Amino acid sequence: MDRQNEQRREYLYSNLSKQLTRLNQNFEQLNSNMAKLKDQTEQSQRLAILHTATFMGAKTVFSSQTEH
């Protein structure tokens, strides 16, 4: 019975080790994804500012052309 308990314990520790390894990999992937998301958010904000400036500039050009 002791041998069975020992084997069971080894099996459980092995599974726990594998699960902790997977959990660590998941956290690493999550951190990577969060960094990519932050970068994409910053790029989207810059693009929105660029579009706003472009449309405002186009409005100014269009308005000045229609006034003449």
PDB file of N, CA and C in Angstrom:
ATOM      1  N   MET A   1       0.817  -1.201   0.000  1.00  0.00           N
ATOM      2  CA  MET A   1       0.000   0.000   0.000  1.00  0.00           C
ATOM      3  C   MET A   1       0.862   1.266   0.000  1.00  0.00           C
ATOM      4  N   ASP A   2       1.994   1.206   0.722  1.00  0.00           N
ATOM      5  CA  ASP A   2       2.878   2.365   0.746  1.00  0.00           C
ATOM      6  C   ASP A   2       3.437   2.668  -0.640  1.00  0.00           C
ATOM      7  N   ARG A   3       3.746   1.613  -1.376  1.00  0.00           N
ATOM      8  CA  ARG A   3       4.274   1.805  -2.732  1.00  0.00           C
ATOM      9  C   ARG A   3       3.221   2.463  -3.623  1.00  0.00           C
ATOM     10  N   GLN A   4       1.973   2.045  -3.486  1.00  0.00           N
ATOM     11  CA  GLN A   4       0.890   2.661  -4.263  1.00  0.00           C
ATOM     12  C   GLN A   4       0.738   4.132  -3.896  1.00  0.00           C
ATOM     13  N   ASN A   5       0.810   4.430  -2.629  1.00  0.00           N
ATOM     14  CA  ASN A   5       0.703   5.821  -2.191  1.00  0.00           C
ATOM     15  C   ASN A   5       1.858   6.653  -2.730  1.00  0.00           C
ATOM     16  N   GLU A   6       3.030   6.070  -2.719  1.00  0.00           N
ATOM     17  CA  GLU A   6       4.203   6.774  -3.232  1.00  0.00           C
ATOM     18  C   GLU A   6       4.070   7.023  -4.735  1.00  0.00           C
ATOM     19  N   GLN A   7       3.606   6.019  -5.465  1.00  0.00           N
ATOM     20  CA  GLN A   7       3.407   6.184  -6.907  1.00  0.00           C
ATOM     21  C   GLN A   7       2.338   7.236  -7.185  1.00  0.00           C
ATOM     22  N   ARG A   8       1.287   7.191  -6.403  1.00  0.00           N
ATOM     23  CA  ARG A   8       0.207   8.180  -6.566  1.00  0.00           C
ATOM     24  C   ARG A   8       0.733   9.587  -6.299  1.00  0.00           C
ATOM     25  N   ARG A   9       1.531   9.724  -5.261  1.00  0.00           N
ATOM     26  CA  ARG A   9       2.107  11.025  -4.919  1.00  0.00           C
ATOM     27  C   ARG A   9       3.025  11.515  -6.037  1.00  0.00           C
ATOM     28  N   GLU A  10       3.851  10.625  -6.571  1.00  0.00           N
ATOM     29  CA  GLU A  10       4.738  10.988  -7.683  1.00  0.00           C
ATOM     30  C   GLU A  10       3.931  11.425  -8.896  1.00  0.00           C
ATOM     31  N   TYR A  11       2.866  10.698  -9.161  1.00  0.00           N
ATOM     32  CA  TYR A  11       1.989  11.038 -10.282  1.00  0.00           C
ATOM     33  C   TYR A  11       1.370  12.424 -10.077  1.00  0.00           C
ATOM     34  N   LEU A  12       0.888  12.686  -8.872  1.00  0.00           N
ATOM     35  CA  LEU A  12       0.263  13.983  -8.589  1.00  0.00           C
ATOM     36  C   LEU A  12       1.275  15.120  -8.678  1.00  0.00           C
ATOM     37  N   TYR A  13       2.477  14.903  -8.148  1.00  0.00           N
ATOM     38  CA  TYR A  13       3.515  15.927  -8.240  1.00  0.00           C
ATOM     39  C   TYR A  13       3.914  16.180  -9.693  1.00  0.00           C
ATOM     40  N   SER A  14       3.971  15.117 -10.469  1.00  0.00           N
ATOM     41  CA  SER A  14       4.303  15.262 -11.884  1.00  0.00           C
ATOM     42  C   SER A  14       3.237  16.094 -12.596  1.00  0.00           C
ATOM     43  N   ASN A  15       1.974  15.785 -12.330  1.00  0.00           N
ATOM     44  CA  ASN A  15       0.887  16.559 -12.939  1.00  0.00           C
ATOM     45  C   ASN A  15       0.910  18.005 -12.481  1.00  0.00           C
ATOM     46  N   LEU A  16       1.158  18.209 -11.203  1.00  0.00           N
ATOM     47  CA  LEU A  16       1.220  19.568 -10.673  1.00  0.00           C
ATOM     48  C   LEU A  16       2.342  20.350 -11.343  1.00  0.00           C
ATOM     49  N   SER A  17       3.477  19.707 -11.511  1.00  0.00           N
ATOM     50  CA  SER A  17       4.607  20.356 -12.169  1.00  0.00           C
ATOM     51  C   SER A  17       4.253  20.755 -13.601  1.00  0.00           C
ATOM     52  N   LYS A  18       3.604  19.849 -14.323  1.00  0.00           N
ATOM     53  CA  LYS A  18       3.193  20.151 -15.702  1.00  0.00           C
ATOM     54  C   LYS A  18       2.196  21.305 -15.735  1.00  0.00           C
ATOM     55  N   GLN A  19       1.256  21.303 -14.807  1.00  0.00           N
ATOM     56  CA  GLN A  19       0.255  22.369 -14.763  1.00  0.00           C
ATOM     57  C   GLN A  19       0.893  23.712 -14.432  1.00  0.00           C
ATOM     58  N   LEU A  20       1.852  23.709 -13.509  1.00  0.00           N
ATOM     59  CA  LEU A  20       2.538  24.955 -13.165  1.00  0.00           C
ATOM     60  C   LEU A  20       3.370  25.466 -14.335  1.00  0.00           C
ATOM     61  N   THR A  21       3.971  24.552 -15.078  1.00  0.00           N
ATOM     62  CA  THR A  21       4.723  24.945 -16.273  1.00  0.00           C
ATOM     63  C   THR A  21       3.788  25.584 -17.295  1.00  0.00           C
ATOM     64  N   ARG A  22       2.630  24.958 -17.522  1.00  0.00           N
ATOM     65  CA  ARG A  22       1.648  25.515 -18.458  1.00  0.00           C
ATOM     66  C   ARG A  22       1.130  26.865 -17.976  1.00  0.00           C
ATOM     67  N   LEU A  23       0.890  26.969 -16.681  1.00  0.00           N
ATOM     68  CA  LEU A  23       0.413  28.232 -16.127  1.00  0.00           C
ATOM     69  C   LEU A  23       1.444  29.334 -16.342  1.00  0.00           C
ATOM     70  N   ASN A  24       2.700  29.018 -16.111  1.00  0.00           N
ATOM     71  CA  ASN A  24       3.770  29.989 -16.321  1.00  0.00           C
ATOM     72  C   ASN A  24       3.846  30.401 -17.789  1.00  0.00           C
ATOM     73  N   GLN A  25       3.716  29.436 -18.691  1.00  0.00           N
ATOM     74  CA  GLN A  25       3.724  29.754 -20.123  1.00  0.00           C
ATOM     75  C   GLN A  25       2.535  30.636 -20.487  1.00  0.00           C
ATOM     76  N   ASN A  26       1.379  30.357 -19.889  1.00  0.00           N
ATOM     77  CA  ASN A  26       0.194  31.174 -20.158  1.00  0.00           C
ATOM     78  C   ASN A  26       0.386  32.604 -19.678  1.00  0.00           C
ATOM     79  N   PHE A  27       1.016  32.767 -18.512  1.00  0.00           N
ATOM     80  CA  PHE A  27       1.283  34.116 -18.013  1.00  0.00           C
ATOM     81  C   PHE A  27       2.261  34.851 -18.923  1.00  0.00           C
ATOM     82  N   GLU A  28       3.278  34.145 -19.401  1.00  0.00           N
ATOM     83  CA  GLU A  28       4.228  34.760 -20.327  1.00  0.00           C
ATOM     84  C   GLU A  28       3.526  35.191 -21.609  1.00  0.00           C
ATOM     85  N   GLN A  29       2.650  34.341 -22.133  1.00  0.00           N
ATOM     86  CA  GLN A  29       1.905  34.676 -23.349  1.00  0.00           C
ATOM     87  C   GLN A  29       0.960  35.843 -23.098  1.00  0.00           C
ATOM     88  N   LEU A  30       0.331  35.854 -21.937  1.00  0.00           N
ATOM     89  CA  LEU A  30      -0.560  36.954 -21.579  1.00  0.00           C
ATOM     90  C   LEU A  30       0.205  38.269 -21.521  1.00  0.00           C
ATOM     91  N   ASN A  31       1.381  38.260 -20.914  1.00  0.00           N
ATOM     92  CA  ASN A  31       2.198  39.474 -20.856  1.00  0.00           C
ATOM     93  C   ASN A  31       2.588  39.937 -22.255  1.00  0.00           C
ATOM     94  N   SER A  32       2.926  38.993 -23.112  1.00  0.00           N
ATOM     95  CA  SER A  32       3.263  39.333 -24.495  1.00  0.00           C
ATOM     96  C   SER A  32       2.057  39.937 -25.212  1.00  0.00           C
ATOM     97  N   ASN A  33       0.891  39.323 -25.030  1.00  0.00           N
ATOM     98  CA  ASN A  33      -0.326  39.832 -25.661  1.00  0.00           C
ATOM     99  C   ASN A  33      -0.679  41.223 -25.152  1.00  0.00           C
ATOM    100  N   MET A  34      -0.484  41.451 -23.855  1.00  0.00           N
ATOM    101  CA  MET A  34      -0.788  42.767 -23.288  1.00  0.00           C
ATOM    102  C   MET A  34       0.148  43.831 -23.862  1.00  0.00           C
ATOM    103  N   ALA A  35       1.419  43.493 -24.048  1.00  0.00           N
ATOM    104  CA  ALA A  35       2.370  44.433 -24.637  1.00  0.00           C
ATOM    105  C   ALA A  35       1.969  44.758 -26.077  1.00  0.00           C
ATOM    106  N   LYS A  36       1.557  43.737 -26.827  1.00  0.00           N
ATOM    107  CA  LYS A  36       1.112  43.961 -28.209  1.00  0.00           C
ATOM    108  C   LYS A  36      -0.151  44.814 -28.236  1.00  0.00           C
ATOM    109  N   LEU A  37      -1.070  44.546 -27.325  1.00  0.00           N
ATOM    110  CA  LEU A  37      -2.307  45.319 -27.252  1.00  0.00           C
ATOM    111  C   LEU A  37      -2.012  46.779 -26.938  1.00  0.00           C
ATOM    112  N   LYS A  38      -1.099  47.015 -26.009  1.00  0.00           N
ATOM    113  CA  LYS A  38      -0.726  48.387 -25.661  1.00  0.00           C
ATOM    114  C   LYS A  38      -0.144  49.100 -26.880  1.00  0.00           C
ATOM    115  N   ASP A  39       0.732  48.415 -27.612  1.00  0.00           N
ATOM    116  CA  ASP A  39       1.334  48.996 -28.810  1.00  0.00           C
ATOM    117  C   ASP A  39       0.271  49.291 -29.868  1.00  0.00           C
ATOM    118  N   GLN A  40      -0.651  48.359 -30.078  1.00  0.00           N
ATOM    119  CA  GLN A  40      -1.716  48.569 -31.060  1.00  0.00           C
ATOM    120  C   GLN A  40      -2.627  49.723 -30.649  1.00  0.00           C
ATOM    121  N   THR A  41      -2.890  49.853 -29.357  1.00  0.00           N
ATOM    122  CA  THR A  41      -3.721  50.950 -28.869  1.00  0.00           C
ATOM    123  C   THR A  41      -3.047  52.286 -29.139  1.00  0.00           C
ATOM    124  N   GLU A  42      -1.753  52.361 -28.853  1.00  0.00           N
ATOM    125  CA  GLU A  42      -1.011  53.601 -29.107  1.00  0.00           C
ATOM    126  C   GLU A  42      -0.997  53.932 -30.596  1.00  0.00           C
ATOM    127  N   GLN A  43      -0.815  52.921 -31.436  1.00  0.00           N
ATOM    128  CA  GLN A  43      -0.824  53.158 -32.881  1.00  0.00           C
ATOM    129  C   GLN A  43      -2.202  53.614 -33.354  1.00  0.00           C
ATOM    130  N   SER A  44      -3.256  53.046 -32.804  1.00  0.00           N
ATOM    131  CA  SER A  44      -4.622  53.452 -33.162  1.00  0.00           C
ATOM    132  C   SER A  44      -4.881  54.895 -32.760  1.00  0.00           C
ATOM    133  N   GLN A  45      -4.385  55.281 -31.585  1.00  0.00           N
ATOM    134  CA  GLN A  45      -4.557  56.664 -31.140  1.00  0.00           C
ATOM    135  C   GLN A  45      -3.825  57.625 -32.073  1.00  0.00           C
ATOM    136  N   ARG A  46      -2.595  57.261 -32.462  1.00  0.00           N
ATOM    137  CA  ARG A  46      -1.848  58.125 -33.388  1.00  0.00           C
ATOM    138  C   ARG A  46      -2.563  58.221 -34.736  1.00  0.00           C
ATOM    139  N   LEU A  47      -3.109  57.104 -35.197  1.00  0.00           N
ATOM    140  CA  LEU A  47      -3.829  57.096 -36.468  1.00  0.00           C
ATOM    141  C   LEU A  47      -5.085  57.961 -36.383  1.00  0.00           C
ATOM    142  N   ALA A  48      -5.790  57.892 -35.264  1.00  0.00           N
ATOM    143  CA  ALA A  48      -6.990  58.715 -35.089  1.00  0.00           C
ATOM    144  C   ALA A  48      -6.632  60.194 -35.102  1.00  0.00           C
ATOM    145  N   ILE A  49      -5.527  60.548 -34.467  1.00  0.00           N
ATOM    146  CA  ILE A  49      -5.078  61.949 -34.467  1.00  0.00           C
ATOM    147  C   ILE A  49      -4.706  62.379 -35.882  1.00  0.00           C
ATOM    148  N   LEU A  50      -4.024  61.504 -36.612  1.00  0.00           N
ATOM    149  CA  LEU A  50      -3.647  61.807 -37.993  1.00  0.00           C
ATOM    150  C   LEU A  50      -4.883  61.998 -38.865  1.00  0.00           C
ATOM    151  N   HIS A  51      -5.869  61.123 -38.724  1.00  0.00           N
ATOM    152  CA  HIS A  51      -7.107  61.257 -39.500  1.00  0.00           C
ATOM    153  C   HIS A  51      -7.831  62.550 -39.155  1.00  0.00           C
ATOM    154  N   THR A  52      -7.892  62.865 -37.881  1.00  0.00           N
ATOM    155  CA  THR A  52      -8.555  64.104 -37.459  1.00  0.00           C
ATOM    156  C   THR A  52      -7.859  65.310 -38.070  1.00  0.00           C
ATOM    157  N   ALA A  53      -6.541  65.331 -38.001  1.00  0.00           N
ATOM    158  CA  ALA A  53      -5.786  66.449 -38.573  1.00  0.00           C
ATOM    159  C   ALA A  53      -5.995  66.526 -40.080  1.00  0.00           C
ATOM    160  N   THR A  54      -6.033  65.381 -40.753  1.00  0.00           N
ATOM    161  CA  THR A  54      -6.242  65.358 -42.202  1.00  0.00           C
ATOM    162  C   THR A  54      -7.613  65.912 -42.560  1.00  0.00           C
ATOM    163  N   PHE A  55      -8.650  65.466 -41.854  1.00  0.00           N
ATOM    164  CA  PHE A  55     -10.002  65.949 -42.140  1.00  0.00           C
ATOM    165  C   PHE A  55     -10.150  67.430 -41.821  1.00  0.00           C
ATOM    166  N   MET A  56      -9.517  67.874 -40.742  1.00  0.00           N
ATOM    167  CA  MET A  56      -9.583  69.303 -40.405  1.00  0.00           C
ATOM    168  C   MET A  56      -8.869  70.130 -41.471  1.00  0.00           C
ATOM    169  N   GLY A  57      -7.731  69.606 -41.943  1.00  0.00           N
ATOM    170  CA  GLY A  57      -7.006  70.301 -43.003  1.00  0.00           C
ATOM    171  C   GLY A  57      -7.810  70.329 -44.290  1.00  0.00           C
ATOM    172  N   ALA A  58      -8.460  69.222 -44.620  1.00  0.00           N
ATOM    173  CA  ALA A  58      -9.282  69.174 -45.832  1.00  0.00           C
ATOM    174  C   ALA A  58     -10.456  70.131 -45.714  1.00  0.00           C
ATOM    175  N   LYS A  59     -11.047  70.224 -44.543  1.00  0.00           N
ATOM    176  CA  LYS A  59     -12.164  71.144 -44.336  1.00  0.00           C
ATOM    177  C   LYS A  59     -11.700  72.584 -44.532  1.00  0.00           C
ATOM    178  N   THR A  60     -10.513  72.894 -43.998  1.00  0.00           N
ATOM    179  CA  THR A  60      -9.976  74.248 -44.142  1.00  0.00           C
ATOM    180  C   THR A  60      -9.730  74.568 -45.611  1.00  0.00           C
ATOM    181  N   VAL A  61      -9.137  73.631 -46.346  1.00  0.00           N
ATOM    182  CA  VAL A  61      -8.872  73.841 -47.773  1.00  0.00           C
ATOM    183  C   VAL A  61     -10.184  73.980 -48.524  1.00  0.00           C
ATOM    184  N   PHE A  62     -11.143  73.107 -48.255  1.00  0.00           N
ATOM    185  CA  PHE A  62     -12.429  73.153 -48.940  1.00  0.00           C
ATOM    186  C   PHE A  62     -13.161  74.463 -48.639  1.00  0.00           C
ATOM    187  N   SER A  63     -13.139  74.883 -47.378  1.00  0.00           N
ATOM    188  CA  SER A  63     -13.818  76.123 -46.986  1.00  0.00           C
ATOM    189  C   SER A  63     -13.186  77.326 -47.662  1.00  0.00           C
ATOM    190  N   SER A  64     -11.859  77.355 -47.744  1.00  0.00           N
ATOM    191  CA  SER A  64     -11.195  78.501 -48.366  1.00  0.00           C
ATOM    192  C   SER A  64     -11.437  78.525 -49.869  1.00  0.00           C
ATOM    193  N   GLN A  65     -11.618  77.368 -50.509  1.00  0.00           N
ATOM    194  CA  GLN A  65     -11.888  77.325 -51.945  1.00  0.00           C
ATOM    195  C   GLN A  65     -13.305  77.778 -52.251  1.00  0.00           C
ATOM    196  N   THR A  66     -14.249  77.488 -51.395  1.00  0.00           N
ATOM    197  CA  THR A  66     -15.639  77.855 -51.663  1.00  0.00           C
ATOM    198  C   THR A  66     -15.900  79.321 -51.359  1.00  0.00           C
ATOM    199  N   GLU A  67     -15.021  79.946 -50.571  1.00  0.00           N
ATOM    200  CA  GLU A  67     -15.212  81.359 -50.242  1.00  0.00           C
ATOM    201  C   GLU A  67     -14.788  82.263 -51.386  1.00  0.00           C
ATOM    202  N   HIS A  68     -13.951  81.779 -52.287  1.00  0.00           N
ATOM    203  CA  HIS A  68     -13.445  82.623 -53.386  1.00  0.00           C
ATOM    204  C   HIS A  68     -14.309  82.561 -54.583  1.00  0.00           C
TER     205      HIS A  68
END
